[in-house]
C-alpha atoms as a PDB file:
ATOM      1  CA  MET A   1       0.000   0.000   0.000  1.00  0.00           C
ATOM      2  CA  GLU A   2       1.374   3.396  -0.943  1.00  0.00           C
ATOM      3  CA  GLN A   3       2.017   5.801   1.922  1.00  0.00           C
ATOM      4  CA  PHE A   4       1.896   9.586   1.973  1.00  0.00           C
ATOM      5  CA  ARG A   5       3.257  12.322   4.192  1.00  0.00           C
ATOM      6  CA  TYR A   6       0.758  15.115   4.741  1.00  0.00           C
ATOM      7  CA  ARG A   7       1.671  18.446   6.268  1.00  0.00           C
ATOM      8  CA  LEU A   8      -1.084  20.775   7.422  1.00  0.00           C
ATOM      9  CA  TYR A   9      -0.012  24.380   8.001  1.00  0.00           C
ATOM     10  CA  THR A  10      -2.212  26.394  10.323  1.00  0.00           C
ATOM     11  CA  GLU A  11      -2.385  28.946  13.085  1.00  0.00           C
ATOM     12  CA  ARG A  12      -1.055  27.645  16.394  1.00  0.00           C
ATOM     13  CA  LYS A  13      -3.857  27.055  18.865  1.00  0.00           C
ATOM     14  CA  ASP A  14      -3.951  24.928  22.004  1.00  0.00           C
ATOM     15  CA  ASN A  15      -6.620  22.588  20.617  1.00  0.00           C
ATOM     16  CA  LEU A  16      -4.710  21.152  17.627  1.00  0.00           C
ATOM     17  CA  LYS A  17      -3.569  17.978  19.382  1.00  0.00           C
ATOM     18  CA  GLN A  18      -7.123  17.158  20.471  1.00  0.00           C
ATOM     19  CA  LEU A  19      -8.519  17.797  16.978  1.00  0.00           C
ATOM     20  CA  VAL A  20      -6.016  15.546  15.227  1.00  0.00           C
ATOM     21  CA  SER A  21      -6.070  12.785  17.856  1.00  0.00           C
ATOM     22  CA  LYS A  22      -9.803  12.271  17.183  1.00  0.00           C
ATOM     23  CA  TYR A  23      -8.797  10.765  13.825  1.00  0.00           C
ATOM     24  CA  PHE A  24      -5.167   9.622  14.107  1.00  0.00           C
ATOM     25  CA  GLN A  25      -3.133   7.864  16.786  1.00  0.00           C
ATOM     26  CA  GLY A  26       0.253   9.093  15.570  1.00  0.00           C
ATOM     27  CA  PHE A  27       1.299  12.496  14.283  1.00  0.00           C
ATOM     28  CA  THR A  28       3.828  15.260  14.866  1.00  0.00           C
ATOM     29  CA  VAL A  29       3.158  18.908  15.694  1.00  0.00           C
ATOM     30  CA  ILE A  30       5.966  21.292  14.764  1.00  0.00           C
ATOM     31  CA  LEU A  31       5.730  24.764  16.305  1.00  0.00           C
ATOM     32  CA  ALA A  32       6.705  27.521  13.885  1.00  0.00           C
ATOM     33  CA  GLU A  33       6.267  31.166  13.006  1.00  0.00           C
ATOM     34  CA  GLY A  34       4.390  31.740   9.772  1.00  0.00           C
ATOM     35  CA  TYR A  35       3.909  34.882   7.739  1.00  0.00           C
ATOM     36  CA  TRP A  36       0.896  36.038   5.793  1.00  0.00           C
ATOM     37  CA  GLU A  37       1.000  39.336   3.939  1.00  0.00           C
ATOM     38  CA  GLY A  38       4.164  40.287   5.828  1.00  0.00           C
ATOM     39  CA  ILE A  39       2.695  39.744   9.283  1.00  0.00           C
ATOM     40  CA  GLY A  40       4.098  37.021  11.530  1.00  0.00           C
ATOM     41  CA  GLU A  41       1.861  34.737  13.554  1.00  0.00           C
ATOM     42  CA  PRO A  42       2.347  31.683  15.761  1.00  0.00           C
ATOM     43  CA  SER A  43       1.924  28.687  13.472  1.00  0.00           C
ATOM     44  CA  ALA A  44       1.951  24.921  13.606  1.00  0.00           C
ATOM     45  CA  ILE A  45       2.748  22.222  11.091  1.00  0.00           C
ATOM     46  CA  ILE A  46       0.928  18.954  11.661  1.00  0.00           C
ATOM     47  CA  GLU A  47       2.719  16.062   9.992  1.00  0.00           C
ATOM     48  CA  LEU A  48       1.056  12.719   9.365  1.00  0.00           C
ATOM     49  CA  VAL A  49       2.168   9.639   7.468  1.00  0.00           C
ATOM     50  CA  ILE A  50      -0.800   7.613   6.298  1.00  0.00           C
ATOM     51  CA  GLU A  51      -1.696   4.859   3.884  1.00  0.00           C
ATOM     52  CA  GLY A  52      -3.542   6.065   0.830  1.00  0.00           C
ATOM     53  CA  THR A  53      -6.793   4.326   1.740  1.00  0.00           C
ATOM     54  CA  LEU A  54     -10.122   6.056   1.270  1.00  0.00           C
ATOM     55  CA  THR A  55     -10.757   6.001   5.038  1.00  0.00           C
ATOM     56  CA  GLN A  56      -7.433   7.687   5.804  1.00  0.00           C
ATOM     57  CA  VAL A  57      -7.981  10.366   3.153  1.00  0.00           C
ATOM     58  CA  ILE A  58     -11.480  11.033   4.527  1.00  0.00           C
ATOM     59  CA  HIS A  59      -9.925  11.481   7.984  1.00  0.00           C
ATOM     60  CA  ILE A  60      -7.400  13.978   6.582  1.00  0.00           C
ATOM     61  CA  GLU A  61     -10.241  15.986   5.036  1.00  0.00           C
ATOM     62  CA  ALA A  62     -12.171  15.862   8.324  1.00  0.00           C
ATOM     63  CA  VAL A  63      -9.177  17.175  10.293  1.00  0.00           C
ATOM     64  CA  ILE A  64      -8.737  20.002   7.797  1.00  0.00           C
ATOM     65  CA  GLN A  65     -12.401  20.995   8.126  1.00  0.00           C
ATOM     66  CA  ASP A  66     -12.221  20.862  11.937  1.00  0.00           C
ATOM     67  CA  ILE A  67      -9.114  23.065  11.970  1.00  0.00           C
ATOM     68  CA  LYS A  68     -10.742  25.595   9.636  1.00  0.00           C
ATOM     69  CA  ILE A  69     -13.803  25.831  11.871  1.00  0.00           C
ATOM     70  CA  VAL A  70     -12.022  25.988  15.225  1.00  0.00           C
ATOM     71  CA  ASN A  71      -9.269  28.361  14.033  1.00  0.00           C
ATOM     72  CA  GLU A  72     -11.777  30.446  12.061  1.00  0.00           C
ATOM     73  CA  GLN A  73      -9.694  30.137   8.891  1.00  0.00           C
ATOM     74  CA  GLN A  74     -10.816  30.198   5.262  1.00  0.00           C
ATOM     75  CA  SER A  75      -8.181  27.642   4.321  1.00  0.00           C
ATOM     76  CA  VAL A  76      -5.416  25.393   5.594  1.00  0.00           C
ATOM     77  CA  MET A  77      -2.327  24.890   3.451  1.00  0.00           C
ATOM     78  CA  VAL A  78      -1.775  21.187   2.767  1.00  0.00           C
ATOM     79  CA  THR A  79       1.168  19.405   1.175  1.00  0.00           C
ATOM     80  CA  ARG A  80       1.208  15.737   0.245  1.00  0.00           C
ATOM     81  CA  GLU A  81       4.027  13.577  -1.016  1.00  0.00           C
ATOM     82  CA  PRO A  82       4.586   9.845  -1.399  1.00  0.00           C
ATOM     83  CA  VAL A  83       7.047   8.405   1.117  1.00  0.00           C
ATOM     84  CA  GLU A  84       8.644   5.094   2.003  1.00  0.00           C
ATOM     85  CA  VAL A  85       8.515   4.286   5.708  1.00  0.00           C
ATOM     86  CA  GLU A  86      10.546   1.793   7.713  1.00  0.00           C
ATOM     87  CA  PHE A  87      10.906   1.199  11.437  1.00  0.00           C
ATOM     88  CA  LYS A  88      14.353  -0.093  12.371  1.00  0.00           C
END
């Protein structure tokens, strides 16, 4: 099964871990400072590695919608790339 790394870029809020953990057991939150139109803001990058199943993709879309609602954002920047994963 092909696997993908998703990164969701959003405003940093205290509730991100709870939102994502409703759908996924494992993920990483990277604290950052983002800029929009020259103005800095506390940001977060949520990184997930998932299998490309329909269920997993539906969960990604659900997390994105939840973040948009809770953070009162029009959009969340999302990147996706195929990855190979091993645990050694």
